[in-house]
């Protein structure tokens, strides 16, 4: 059974609200691969603190509006 990550996120939701921003676009802006963005969005990978801050900065939102801790994980 796969390990459940205790961090949930709204990255896909916010990215899709941008309209034409792809996972590749976001990855290039924050310095990671498209595959990393996909894994973050699918909650298969928890980003580094630096990457989480970079993503929040690109969207112009606070980090805690994108990422949250799941108490029961």
N, C-alpha and C. Protein backbone atom coordinates (compact mmCIF):
# COMPACT_ATOMS: atom_id res chain seq x y z
N UNK A 1 0.84 -1.18 0.00
CA UNK A 1 0.00 0.00 0.00
C UNK A 1 0.89 1.25 0.00
N UNK A 2 0.52 2.22 -0.80
CA UNK A 2 1.30 3.46 -0.91
C UNK A 2 1.14 4.31 0.34
N UNK A 3 2.21 4.97 0.69
CA UNK A 3 2.20 5.85 1.86
C UNK A 3 1.37 7.11 1.56
N UNK A 4 0.50 7.46 2.48
CA UNK A 4 -0.29 8.68 2.32
C UNK A 4 0.55 9.86 2.82
N UNK A 5 0.66 10.88 2.01
CA UNK A 5 1.40 12.06 2.40
C UNK A 5 0.51 12.96 3.25
N UNK A 6 1.06 13.54 4.31
CA UNK A 6 0.25 14.35 5.21
C UNK A 6 -0.03 15.75 4.69
N UNK A 7 0.47 16.09 3.52
CA UNK A 7 0.27 17.43 2.97
C UNK A 7 -0.68 17.36 1.77
N UNK A 8 -1.77 18.09 1.85
CA UNK A 8 -2.68 18.19 0.72
C UNK A 8 -2.44 19.54 0.04
N UNK A 9 -2.94 19.67 -1.18
CA UNK A 9 -2.70 20.93 -1.88
C UNK A 9 -3.81 21.25 -2.87
N UNK A 10 -3.81 22.51 -3.31
CA UNK A 10 -4.77 23.01 -4.29
C UNK A 10 -4.04 23.48 -5.55
N UNK A 11 -2.86 22.94 -5.81
CA UNK A 11 -2.04 23.42 -6.92
C UNK A 11 -2.77 23.25 -8.25
N UNK A 12 -3.33 22.06 -8.51
CA UNK A 12 -4.02 21.84 -9.79
C UNK A 12 -5.19 22.81 -9.94
N UNK A 13 -5.97 22.96 -8.89
CA UNK A 13 -7.14 23.86 -8.93
C UNK A 13 -6.73 25.28 -9.28
N UNK A 14 -5.71 25.80 -8.61
CA UNK A 14 -5.28 27.17 -8.85
C UNK A 14 -4.64 27.30 -10.23
N UNK A 15 -3.85 26.30 -10.62
CA UNK A 15 -3.22 26.33 -11.95
C UNK A 15 -4.28 26.34 -13.04
N UNK A 16 -5.31 25.51 -12.90
CA UNK A 16 -6.36 25.44 -13.92
C UNK A 16 -7.20 26.71 -13.95
N UNK A 17 -7.31 27.42 -12.83
CA UNK A 17 -8.02 28.69 -12.82
C UNK A 17 -7.30 29.72 -13.67
N UNK A 18 -6.01 29.53 -13.88
CA UNK A 18 -5.21 30.41 -14.73
C UNK A 18 -5.55 30.25 -16.20
N UNK A 19 -6.26 29.19 -16.54
CA UNK A 19 -6.70 28.99 -17.92
C UNK A 19 -5.72 28.18 -18.74
N UNK A 20 -4.67 28.81 -19.20
CA UNK A 20 -3.79 28.14 -20.16
C UNK A 20 -2.45 27.71 -19.56
N UNK A 21 -2.30 27.70 -18.25
CA UNK A 21 -1.03 27.29 -17.64
C UNK A 21 -0.97 25.77 -17.55
N UNK A 22 0.05 25.19 -18.17
CA UNK A 22 0.24 23.74 -18.12
C UNK A 22 1.15 23.37 -16.95
N UNK A 23 1.22 22.08 -16.68
CA UNK A 23 2.16 21.60 -15.67
C UNK A 23 3.59 21.95 -16.08
N UNK A 24 3.89 21.83 -17.36
CA UNK A 24 5.22 22.18 -17.86
C UNK A 24 5.52 23.66 -17.64
N UNK A 25 4.54 24.51 -17.92
CA UNK A 25 4.72 25.96 -17.70
C UNK A 25 5.06 26.25 -16.24
N UNK A 26 4.28 25.67 -15.34
CA UNK A 26 4.52 25.91 -13.92
C UNK A 26 5.88 25.37 -13.50
N UNK A 27 6.20 24.19 -13.98
CA UNK A 27 7.50 23.60 -13.66
C UNK A 27 8.66 24.48 -14.08
N UNK A 28 8.58 25.03 -15.28
CA UNK A 28 9.64 25.92 -15.77
C UNK A 28 9.74 27.18 -14.91
N UNK A 29 8.61 27.72 -14.49
CA UNK A 29 8.60 28.93 -13.69
C UNK A 29 9.22 28.73 -12.30
N UNK A 30 9.04 27.53 -11.74
CA UNK A 30 9.54 27.29 -10.38
C UNK A 30 10.80 26.42 -10.33
N UNK A 31 11.27 25.97 -11.49
CA UNK A 31 12.53 25.24 -11.55
C UNK A 31 12.46 23.75 -11.28
N UNK A 32 11.32 23.13 -11.62
CA UNK A 32 11.19 21.68 -11.49
C UNK A 32 10.61 21.12 -12.78
N UNK A 33 10.54 19.81 -12.89
CA UNK A 33 10.01 19.18 -14.11
C UNK A 33 8.49 19.12 -14.08
N UNK A 34 7.92 18.87 -15.25
CA UNK A 34 6.48 18.65 -15.36
C UNK A 34 6.07 17.46 -14.50
N UNK A 35 6.91 16.43 -14.49
CA UNK A 35 6.60 15.23 -13.71
C UNK A 35 6.53 15.54 -12.21
N UNK A 36 7.37 16.45 -11.74
CA UNK A 36 7.33 16.84 -10.34
C UNK A 36 6.03 17.57 -10.02
N UNK A 37 5.62 18.47 -10.91
CA UNK A 37 4.35 19.18 -10.70
C UNK A 37 3.19 18.18 -10.70
N UNK A 38 3.21 17.22 -11.62
CA UNK A 38 2.15 16.21 -11.68
C UNK A 38 2.10 15.42 -10.36
N UNK A 39 3.26 15.02 -9.85
CA UNK A 39 3.30 14.24 -8.61
C UNK A 39 2.81 15.07 -7.42
N UNK A 40 3.15 16.36 -7.39
CA UNK A 40 2.66 17.24 -6.33
C UNK A 40 1.14 17.34 -6.41
N UNK A 41 0.62 17.60 -7.60
CA UNK A 41 -0.83 17.74 -7.77
C UNK A 41 -1.58 16.47 -7.40
N UNK A 42 -0.98 15.32 -7.65
CA UNK A 42 -1.62 14.03 -7.34
C UNK A 42 -1.35 13.59 -5.90
N UNK A 43 -0.66 14.44 -5.15
CA UNK A 43 -0.32 14.18 -3.76
C UNK A 43 0.47 12.88 -3.59
N UNK A 44 1.32 12.59 -4.59
CA UNK A 44 2.25 11.47 -4.51
C UNK A 44 3.62 11.94 -4.05
N UNK A 45 3.81 13.25 -3.97
CA UNK A 45 5.10 13.84 -3.62
C UNK A 45 4.86 15.15 -2.88
N UNK A 46 5.55 15.31 -1.77
CA UNK A 46 5.48 16.57 -1.04
C UNK A 46 6.65 17.44 -1.48
N UNK A 47 6.39 18.65 -1.94
CA UNK A 47 7.48 19.50 -2.43
C UNK A 47 8.37 19.99 -1.30
N UNK A 48 9.58 20.37 -1.67
CA UNK A 48 10.45 21.03 -0.69
C UNK A 48 9.80 22.34 -0.29
N UNK A 49 10.21 22.86 0.83
CA UNK A 49 9.68 24.14 1.29
C UNK A 49 9.96 25.23 0.27
N UNK A 50 11.15 25.21 -0.30
CA UNK A 50 11.51 26.21 -1.32
C UNK A 50 10.58 26.12 -2.53
N UNK A 51 10.32 24.91 -3.01
CA UNK A 51 9.44 24.74 -4.16
C UNK A 51 8.02 25.17 -3.83
N UNK A 52 7.54 24.84 -2.64
CA UNK A 52 6.20 25.26 -2.23
C UNK A 52 6.09 26.78 -2.22
N UNK A 53 7.11 27.46 -1.69
CA UNK A 53 7.09 28.93 -1.69
C UNK A 53 7.15 29.48 -3.11
N UNK A 54 7.93 28.86 -3.98
CA UNK A 54 8.02 29.33 -5.37
C UNK A 54 6.68 29.20 -6.09
N UNK A 55 5.99 28.08 -5.86
CA UNK A 55 4.68 27.87 -6.48
C UNK A 55 3.69 28.93 -5.98
N UNK A 56 3.67 29.14 -4.67
CA UNK A 56 2.76 30.15 -4.10
C UNK A 56 3.07 31.53 -4.66
N UNK A 57 4.34 31.86 -4.78
CA UNK A 57 4.73 33.17 -5.32
C UNK A 57 4.27 33.32 -6.76
N UNK A 58 4.41 32.28 -7.58
CA UNK A 58 3.97 32.36 -8.98
C UNK A 58 2.47 32.62 -9.08
N UNK A 59 1.70 32.08 -8.15
CA UNK A 59 0.25 32.28 -8.15
C UNK A 59 -0.17 33.54 -7.42
N UNK A 60 0.77 34.17 -6.72
CA UNK A 60 0.44 35.38 -5.98
C UNK A 60 -0.45 35.13 -4.78
N UNK A 61 -0.25 33.96 -4.14
CA UNK A 61 -1.06 33.59 -2.97
C UNK A 61 -0.14 33.18 -1.83
N UNK A 62 -0.70 33.04 -0.64
CA UNK A 62 0.09 32.58 0.50
C UNK A 62 0.29 31.07 0.40
N UNK A 63 1.37 30.62 0.99
CA UNK A 63 1.68 29.19 0.94
C UNK A 63 0.59 28.37 1.62
N UNK A 64 0.01 28.90 2.71
CA UNK A 64 -1.01 28.13 3.41
C UNK A 64 -2.37 28.13 2.70
N UNK A 65 -2.51 28.92 1.65
CA UNK A 65 -3.73 28.83 0.85
C UNK A 65 -3.60 27.73 -0.21
N UNK A 66 -2.37 27.27 -0.46
CA UNK A 66 -2.12 26.19 -1.43
C UNK A 66 -1.89 24.84 -0.77
N UNK A 67 -1.19 24.84 0.37
CA UNK A 67 -0.80 23.61 1.02
C UNK A 67 -1.36 23.56 2.43
N UNK A 68 -1.80 22.36 2.85
CA UNK A 68 -2.29 22.21 4.21
C UNK A 68 -1.91 20.84 4.75
N UNK A 69 -1.83 20.77 6.06
CA UNK A 69 -1.47 19.56 6.76
C UNK A 69 -2.72 18.75 7.07
N UNK A 70 -2.70 17.47 6.72
CA UNK A 70 -3.81 16.58 7.04
C UNK A 70 -3.50 15.89 8.37
N UNK A 71 -4.23 16.22 9.40
CA UNK A 71 -3.98 15.69 10.74
C UNK A 71 -4.05 14.18 10.82
N UNK A 72 -4.92 13.56 10.05
CA UNK A 72 -5.15 12.11 10.17
C UNK A 72 -4.22 11.26 9.32
N UNK A 73 -3.30 11.86 8.60
CA UNK A 73 -2.41 11.09 7.72
C UNK A 73 -1.23 10.55 8.49
